[in-house]
Amino acid sequence: MTIDCGKLADLLFDFVSGELPDDQREVLEAHLKACRPCYVHVETYRVTITLTRKLPCDRLPPEFERRLRDLLIRECPGQMGAAE
């Protein structure tokens, strides 16, 4: 099995979260050793996750929250009902 850059992007979440099966993880790690752009992409993804987890969990300003909900309802009709 081989992993190209596109497939790596598809597997990125499972890889970073440690949920990728060992055989796929090993192939993905081999790709990262040979592909600098993918290595940088994965490291950037990891740093982004680490930094965003450190952000405070303040509530959104009410007006911004209302506008965001309105936008999501317009852009994703039928999908917002479960989240409310």
Protein backbone atom coordinates (compact mmCIF):
# COMPACT_ATOMS: atom_id res chain seq x y z
CA MET A 1 0.00 0.00 0.00
CA THR A 2 1.18 3.51 -0.77
CA ILE A 3 -0.06 6.87 0.39
CA ASP A 4 0.13 9.94 -1.79
CA CYS A 5 -0.36 13.53 -0.64
CA GLY A 6 -4.11 13.47 -1.33
CA LYS A 7 -4.63 10.26 0.63
CA LEU A 8 -2.57 11.69 3.50
CA ALA A 9 -4.98 14.61 3.70
CA ASP A 10 -7.90 12.16 3.88
CA LEU A 11 -6.24 10.27 6.75
CA LEU A 12 -4.88 13.29 8.63
CA PHE A 13 -7.47 13.45 11.41
CA ASP A 14 -7.22 9.72 12.20
CA PHE A 15 -3.42 9.90 12.10
CA VAL A 16 -3.11 12.88 14.44
CA SER A 17 -5.74 11.50 16.83
CA GLY A 18 -3.94 8.13 17.00
CA GLU A 19 -6.86 6.21 15.48
CA LEU A 20 -5.13 5.12 12.28
CA PRO A 21 -4.47 1.35 12.04
CA ASP A 22 -0.79 0.46 12.54
CA ASP A 23 -0.22 -0.62 8.92
CA GLN A 24 -1.59 2.64 7.52
CA ARG A 25 0.23 4.69 10.17
CA GLU A 26 3.56 3.14 9.21
CA VAL A 27 3.01 3.84 5.51
CA LEU A 28 1.90 7.40 6.28
CA GLU A 29 4.96 7.99 8.46
CA ALA A 30 7.20 6.73 5.63
CA HIS A 31 5.51 9.21 3.29
CA LEU A 32 6.11 12.03 5.78
CA LYS A 33 9.83 11.21 5.90
CA ALA A 34 10.04 11.54 2.12
CA CYS A 35 7.62 14.44 1.54
CA ARG A 36 8.56 17.72 3.21
CA PRO A 37 5.33 19.56 2.24
CA CYS A 38 3.20 16.84 3.86
CA TYR A 39 5.43 16.82 6.94
CA VAL A 40 4.99 20.59 7.32
CA HIS A 41 1.24 20.24 6.77
CA VAL A 42 0.92 17.61 9.53
CA GLU A 43 3.05 19.58 11.97
CA THR A 44 1.05 22.75 11.28
CA TYR A 45 -2.16 20.79 11.90
CA ARG A 46 -0.80 19.48 15.21
CA VAL A 47 0.31 22.94 16.36
CA THR A 48 -3.07 24.40 15.38
CA ILE A 49 -4.87 21.78 17.49
CA THR A 50 -2.55 22.40 20.45
CA LEU A 51 -2.98 26.17 20.29
CA THR A 52 -6.74 26.14 19.83
CA ARG A 53 -7.16 23.82 22.81
CA LYS A 54 -5.50 26.52 24.92
CA LEU A 55 -7.97 29.21 23.88
CA PRO A 56 -10.46 30.37 26.51
CA CYS A 57 -14.01 29.07 26.18
CA ASP A 58 -15.72 32.45 26.38
CA ARG A 59 -19.21 32.77 24.98
CA LEU A 60 -19.67 34.56 21.70
CA PRO A 61 -21.16 38.04 21.86
CA PRO A 62 -24.94 37.56 21.47
CA GLU A 63 -25.20 39.58 18.24
CA PHE A 64 -22.35 37.67 16.62
CA GLU A 65 -23.86 34.33 17.72
CA ARG A 66 -27.22 35.29 16.19
CA ARG A 67 -25.61 36.33 12.90
CA LEU A 68 -23.53 33.15 12.80
CA ARG A 69 -26.59 30.95 13.43
CA ASP A 70 -28.54 32.79 10.72
CA LEU A 71 -25.69 32.25 8.27
CA LEU A 72 -25.40 28.55 9.11
CA ILE A 73 -29.14 28.05 8.77
CA ARG A 74 -29.04 29.71 5.33
CA GLU A 75 -25.96 27.81 4.15
CA CYS A 76 -26.78 24.42 5.72
CA PRO A 77 -30.58 24.06 5.62
CA GLY A 78 -31.84 21.01 7.46
CA GLN A 79 -28.58 20.45 9.35
CA MET A 80 -28.90 22.97 12.16
CA GLY A 81 -31.95 21.44 13.86
CA ALA A 82 -29.92 18.79 15.69
CA ALA A 83 -27.40 21.35 17.01
CA GLU A 84 -29.97 23.67 18.55
